[in-house]
Structure formats: structure tokens, C-alpha cells
Amino acid sequence: MNNAILDAIQKADGRYLSDLELRPFNDITESFQARLSAYLYLKDHSKDLVLNALRRMVHTPHRKVLQEHGSQCQRDMSYTLEYIAKGLLVHDEDSFMEEYLVWIQNILRAFHCQDACVVSYQLLREEIRGALSGESCNLVLLYLEKLIEAMGTGL
């Protein structure tokens, strides 16, 4: 669940939440349909999105990384979309940053393939832009942009 919501609930011991403390609930309800739509799309199409991005990566200077680590790339990118989809449902970008980005960044550093991964996620971002529209697209891109930035520059 969203950290702001959990914090507000924990701090409200013995009282009702204020209007300001209820704002995160309002944000969730206003964007829930778009979040659910994005979740369902990623659930049904993540494999195709990842494969299309990786097919395009063959035409980049990082082709060798893909040839050596293609199955791991596909697995990690699919897992990333799954993690993003779950984050969308609970409106929790903070946990994505705190948990997933740190984890994936450590793995990529160990394999010394951050540059190739940045390109693969940029291609995935383009696939998402072509597949989703409106608020659903923007919500997914928010997570991908954070991921790309973290891979390129660090947290």
C-alpha cells in the first residue's frame, strides 16, 4: 500500500484523518481506472512488449550483450513490468524506488551491462508508448523513466 497512506493511518491513532491526510486516498481513487487498465495490459502483453524491445536491440551496438544474456534480459525485463504493474495497483512509486531499483541496479553493476540495459529499457519505453495511451501510458512511463535514470546515473 502507498507509504503516504500507511503513514497517515499510523499517525492518526485515536483520531480521524484530516482532509490533507485523505488526499492520497483521493489520488488513488481518481486514477484507479487508469492504473487498473495499465495493470491488465501489462499482465496480458508484457511478454510481447519485452520481445519486441529485445528484437529492436539486435540492431544496436549492444547486440553482443543480448546474444550472451538474452534470456536473463527477457526475464529481468518481464519481472520489471510485473513489478511496475503491481506498483501501479497500489499507487506506490516509493517502494519501487526503494526496493526494486536498488536490487536491479546491484545486479546490473555485477554483470557490467548497465549501458546495454539502459538501451533495452529505452526501447521498452518506446514499445509502451506505442501500445498504451493517455494516463495509463503516463503511469507506466513514470516507473520506466525512474528505472532508466537510476541505471544511467545511479540513485
C-alpha atoms as a PDB file:
ATOM      1  CA  MET A   1       0.000   0.000   0.000  1.00  0.00           C
ATOM      2  CA  ASN A   2       1.091   3.572  -0.613  1.00  0.00           C
ATOM      3  CA  ASN A   3       3.577   4.790   2.008  1.00  0.00           C
ATOM      4  CA  ALA A   4       1.778   8.131   2.441  1.00  0.00           C
ATOM      5  CA  ILE A   5      -1.450   6.303   3.247  1.00  0.00           C
ATOM      6  CA  LEU A   6       0.222   3.949   5.708  1.00  0.00           C
ATOM      7  CA  ASP A   7       1.980   6.854   7.418  1.00  0.00           C
ATOM      8  CA  ALA A   8      -1.260   8.811   7.727  1.00  0.00           C
ATOM      9  CA  ILE A   9      -3.117   5.842   9.189  1.00  0.00           C
ATOM     10  CA  GLN A  10      -0.361   5.093  11.692  1.00  0.00           C
ATOM     11  CA  LYS A  11      -0.128   8.730  12.824  1.00  0.00           C
ATOM     12  CA  ALA A  12      -3.891   9.029  13.248  1.00  0.00           C
ATOM     13  CA  ASP A  13      -4.072   6.821  16.302  1.00  0.00           C
ATOM     14  CA  GLY A  14      -7.110   7.919  18.303  1.00  0.00           C
ATOM     15  CA  ARG A  15      -8.440  10.380  15.707  1.00  0.00           C
ATOM     16  CA  TYR A  16      -9.882  10.589  12.221  1.00  0.00           C
ATOM     17  CA  LEU A  17      -7.714  11.552   9.276  1.00  0.00           C
ATOM     18  CA  SER A  18      -7.703  15.196   8.200  1.00  0.00           C
ATOM     19  CA  ASP A  19      -8.620  16.299   4.677  1.00  0.00           C
ATOM     20  CA  LEU A  20      -4.926  16.701   3.899  1.00  0.00           C
ATOM     21  CA  GLU A  21      -4.182  13.175   5.147  1.00  0.00           C
ATOM     22  CA  LEU A  22      -7.025  11.821   2.996  1.00  0.00           C
ATOM     23  CA  ARG A  23      -5.578  13.325  -0.203  1.00  0.00           C
ATOM     24  CA  PRO A  24      -3.563  10.182  -1.117  1.00  0.00           C
ATOM     25  CA  PHE A  25      -6.807   8.153  -0.976  1.00  0.00           C
ATOM     26  CA  ASN A  26      -8.413  10.618  -3.343  1.00  0.00           C
ATOM     27  CA  ASP A  27      -5.434  10.413  -5.690  1.00  0.00           C
ATOM     28  CA  ILE A  28      -5.707   6.633  -5.752  1.00  0.00           C
ATOM     29  CA  THR A  29      -9.434   6.588  -6.450  1.00  0.00           C
ATOM     30  CA  GLU A  30      -9.196   9.240  -9.176  1.00  0.00           C
ATOM     31  CA  SER A  31      -6.506   7.346 -11.064  1.00  0.00           C
ATOM     32  CA  PHE A  32      -7.554   3.795 -10.235  1.00  0.00           C
ATOM     33  CA  GLN A  33      -9.233   3.013 -13.556  1.00  0.00           C
ATOM     34  CA  ALA A  34      -6.139   4.082 -15.488  1.00  0.00           C
ATOM     35  CA  ARG A  35      -3.943   2.105 -13.091  1.00  0.00           C
ATOM     36  CA  LEU A  36      -6.095  -0.994 -13.446  1.00  0.00           C
ATOM     37  CA  SER A  37      -6.144  -0.638 -17.222  1.00  0.00           C
ATOM     38  CA  ALA A  38      -2.343  -0.360 -17.330  1.00  0.00           C
ATOM     39  CA  TYR A  39      -2.001  -3.325 -14.962  1.00  0.00           C
ATOM     40  CA  LEU A  40      -4.244  -5.520 -17.093  1.00  0.00           C
ATOM     41  CA  TYR A  41      -2.470  -4.502 -20.286  1.00  0.00           C
ATOM     42  CA  LEU A  42       0.951  -5.294 -18.829  1.00  0.00           C
ATOM     43  CA  LYS A  43      -0.366  -8.589 -17.456  1.00  0.00           C
ATOM     44  CA  ASP A  44      -1.619  -9.637 -20.885  1.00  0.00           C
ATOM     45  CA  HIS A  45       1.093  -8.137 -23.119  1.00  0.00           C
ATOM     46  CA  SER A  46       4.351  -7.890 -21.175  1.00  0.00           C
ATOM     47  CA  LYS A  47       5.963 -10.813 -22.993  1.00  0.00           C
ATOM     48  CA  ASP A  48       5.289  -9.249 -26.399  1.00  0.00           C
ATOM     49  CA  LEU A  49       6.442  -5.812 -25.248  1.00  0.00           C
ATOM     50  CA  VAL A  50       9.715  -7.242 -23.950  1.00  0.00           C
ATOM     51  CA  LEU A  51      10.341  -9.426 -27.010  1.00  0.00           C
ATOM     52  CA  ASN A  52       9.678  -6.512 -29.362  1.00  0.00           C
ATOM     53  CA  ALA A  53      12.115  -4.313 -27.442  1.00  0.00           C
ATOM     54  CA  LEU A  54      14.768  -7.037 -27.480  1.00  0.00           C
ATOM     55  CA  ARG A  55      14.274  -7.653 -31.208  1.00  0.00           C
ATOM     56  CA  ARG A  56      14.951  -3.978 -31.795  1.00  0.00           C
ATOM     57  CA  MET A  57      18.032  -4.160 -29.584  1.00  0.00           C
ATOM     58  CA  VAL A  58      19.639  -6.589 -32.020  1.00  0.00           C
ATOM     59  CA  HIS A  59      20.159  -3.564 -34.291  1.00  0.00           C
ATOM     60  CA  THR A  60      22.155  -1.625 -31.693  1.00  0.00           C
ATOM     61  CA  PRO A  61      25.826  -1.744 -30.676  1.00  0.00           C
ATOM     62  CA  HIS A  62      24.729  -3.846 -27.676  1.00  0.00           C
ATOM     63  CA  ARG A  63      23.848  -6.868 -29.784  1.00  0.00           C
ATOM     64  CA  LYS A  64      26.633  -8.940 -28.176  1.00  0.00           C
ATOM     65  CA  VAL A  65      25.261  -8.413 -24.653  1.00  0.00           C
ATOM     66  CA  LEU A  66      21.879  -9.548 -25.909  1.00  0.00           C
ATOM     67  CA  GLN A  67      23.387 -12.637 -27.523  1.00  0.00           C
ATOM     68  CA  GLU A  68      25.189 -13.574 -24.303  1.00  0.00           C
ATOM     69  CA  HIS A  69      22.491 -12.635 -21.787  1.00  0.00           C
ATOM     70  CA  GLY A  70      19.279 -12.592 -23.830  1.00  0.00           C
ATOM     71  CA  SER A  71      17.306 -14.974 -21.632  1.00  0.00           C
ATOM     72  CA  GLN A  72      18.319 -13.086 -18.481  1.00  0.00           C
ATOM     73  CA  CYS A  73      17.403  -9.776 -20.141  1.00  0.00           C
ATOM     74  CA  GLN A  74      13.996 -11.127 -21.084  1.00  0.00           C
ATOM     75  CA  ARG A  75      13.429 -12.497 -17.586  1.00  0.00           C
ATOM     76  CA  ASP A  76      14.519  -9.288 -15.852  1.00  0.00           C
ATOM     77  CA  MET A  77      12.521  -7.031 -18.173  1.00  0.00           C
ATOM     78  CA  SER A  78       9.419  -9.182 -17.721  1.00  0.00           C
ATOM     79  CA  TYR A  79       9.906  -9.124 -13.966  1.00  0.00           C
ATOM     80  CA  THR A  80      10.319  -5.340 -14.127  1.00  0.00           C
ATOM     81  CA  LEU A  81       6.981  -4.955 -15.904  1.00  0.00           C
ATOM     82  CA  GLU A  82       5.336  -7.248 -13.360  1.00  0.00           C
ATOM     83  CA  TYR A  83       6.771  -5.197 -10.500  1.00  0.00           C
ATOM     84  CA  ILE A  84       5.651  -1.959 -12.180  1.00  0.00           C
ATOM     85  CA  ALA A  85       2.153  -3.385 -12.680  1.00  0.00           C
ATOM     86  CA  LYS A  86       1.878  -4.276  -9.003  1.00  0.00           C
ATOM     87  CA  GLY A  87       3.167  -0.839  -8.013  1.00  0.00           C
ATOM     88  CA  LEU A  88       0.515   0.738 -10.208  1.00  0.00           C
ATOM     89  CA  LEU A  89      -2.265  -1.088  -8.402  1.00  0.00           C
ATOM     90  CA  VAL A  90      -1.212   0.162  -5.000  1.00  0.00           C
ATOM     91  CA  HIS A  91      -0.013   3.582  -6.218  1.00  0.00           C
ATOM     92  CA  ASP A  92       3.403   3.054  -4.643  1.00  0.00           C
ATOM     93  CA  GLU A  93       6.239   4.623  -6.598  1.00  0.00           C
ATOM     94  CA  ASP A  94       8.263   4.960  -3.376  1.00  0.00           C
ATOM     95  CA  SER A  95       8.593   1.218  -2.822  1.00  0.00           C
ATOM     96  CA  PHE A  96       9.585   0.807  -6.454  1.00  0.00           C
ATOM     97  CA  MET A  97      12.438   3.244  -5.905  1.00  0.00           C
ATOM     98  CA  GLU A  98      13.463   1.922  -2.520  1.00  0.00           C
ATOM     99  CA  GLU A  99      13.279  -1.781  -3.221  1.00  0.00           C
ATOM    100  CA  TYR A 100      13.255  -2.738  -6.862  1.00  0.00           C
ATOM    101  CA  LEU A 101      15.585  -0.123  -8.322  1.00  0.00           C
ATOM    102  CA  VAL A 102      18.272  -0.771  -5.748  1.00  0.00           C
ATOM    103  CA  TRP A 103      18.003  -4.515  -6.322  1.00  0.00           C
ATOM    104  CA  ILE A 104      18.135  -4.385 -10.130  1.00  0.00           C
ATOM    105  CA  GLN A 105      20.866  -1.776 -10.139  1.00  0.00           C
ATOM    106  CA  ASN A 106      23.087  -4.015  -7.995  1.00  0.00           C
ATOM    107  CA  ILE A 107      22.553  -6.942 -10.341  1.00  0.00           C
ATOM    108  CA  LEU A 108      23.363  -4.882 -13.419  1.00  0.00           C
ATOM    109  CA  ARG A 109      26.520  -3.489 -11.842  1.00  0.00           C
ATOM    110  CA  ALA A 110      27.661  -7.025 -11.072  1.00  0.00           C
ATOM    111  CA  PHE A 111      27.267  -8.012 -14.736  1.00  0.00           C
ATOM    112  CA  HIS A 112      28.728  -4.715 -16.041  1.00  0.00           C
ATOM    113  CA  CYS A 113      25.912  -4.287 -18.520  1.00  0.00           C
ATOM    114  CA  GLN A 114      24.223  -1.073 -17.390  1.00  0.00           C
ATOM    115  CA  ASP A 115      24.705   0.713 -20.719  1.00  0.00           C
ATOM    116  CA  ALA A 116      23.058  -2.114 -22.643  1.00  0.00           C
ATOM    117  CA  CYS A 117      20.244  -2.265 -20.108  1.00  0.00           C
ATOM    118  CA  VAL A 118      19.602   1.452 -20.417  1.00  0.00           C
ATOM    119  CA  VAL A 119      19.166   0.954 -24.158  1.00  0.00           C
ATOM    120  CA  SER A 120      16.913  -2.080 -23.681  1.00  0.00           C
ATOM    121  CA  TYR A 121      14.639  -0.181 -21.280  1.00  0.00           C
ATOM    122  CA  GLN A 122      14.596   2.839 -23.584  1.00  0.00           C
ATOM    123  CA  LEU A 123      13.378   0.509 -26.334  1.00  0.00           C
ATOM    124  CA  LEU A 124      10.827  -0.959 -23.936  1.00  0.00           C
ATOM    125  CA  ARG A 125       9.684   2.573 -23.145  1.00  0.00           C
ATOM    126  CA  GLU A 126       9.081   3.114 -26.869  1.00  0.00           C
ATOM    127  CA  GLU A 127       7.091  -0.115 -27.067  1.00  0.00           C
ATOM    128  CA  ILE A 128       4.945   1.057 -24.131  1.00  0.00           C
ATOM    129  CA  ARG A 129       4.385   4.437 -25.794  1.00  0.00           C
ATOM    130  CA  GLY A 130       3.189   2.680 -28.923  1.00  0.00           C
ATOM    131  CA  ALA A 131       0.928   0.273 -27.073  1.00  0.00           C
ATOM    132  CA  LEU A 132      -0.696   2.337 -24.321  1.00  0.00           C
ATOM    133  CA  SER A 133      -2.210   5.779 -24.406  1.00  0.00           C
ATOM    134  CA  GLY A 134      -3.296   8.530 -22.079  1.00  0.00           C
ATOM    135  CA  GLU A 135      -2.970   8.290 -18.338  1.00  0.00           C
ATOM    136  CA  SER A 136      -2.280   4.544 -18.382  1.00  0.00           C
ATOM    137  CA  CYS A 137       0.750   5.126 -20.575  1.00  0.00           C
ATOM    138  CA  ASN A 138       1.977   8.032 -18.456  1.00  0.00           C
ATOM    139  CA  LEU A 139       1.703   5.974 -15.276  1.00  0.00           C
ATOM    140  CA  VAL A 140       3.835   3.141 -16.672  1.00  0.00           C
ATOM    141  CA  LEU A 141       6.328   5.594 -18.149  1.00  0.00           C
ATOM    142  CA  LEU A 142       6.765   7.229 -14.738  1.00  0.00           C
ATOM    143  CA  TYR A 143       8.216   3.981 -13.428  1.00  0.00           C
ATOM    144  CA  LEU A 144      10.288   3.286 -16.540  1.00  0.00           C
ATOM    145  CA  GLU A 145      11.769   6.781 -16.511  1.00  0.00           C
ATOM    146  CA  LYS A 146      12.861   6.306 -12.899  1.00  0.00           C
ATOM    147  CA  LEU A 147      14.403   2.974 -13.823  1.00  0.00           C
ATOM    148  CA  ILE A 148      16.252   4.364 -16.843  1.00  0.00           C
ATOM    149  CA  GLU A 149      17.534   7.308 -14.840  1.00  0.00           C
ATOM    150  CA  ALA A 150      18.724   5.074 -11.999  1.00  0.00           C
ATOM    151  CA  MET A 151      20.518   2.778 -14.439  1.00  0.00           C
ATOM    152  CA  GLY A 152      22.144   5.661 -16.261  1.00  0.00           C
ATOM    153  CA  THR A 153      23.169   7.843 -13.358  1.00  0.00           C
ATOM    154  CA  GLY A 154      22.606   5.852 -10.192  1.00  0.00           C
ATOM    155  CA  LEU A 155      20.139   6.536  -7.416  1.00  0.00           C
END
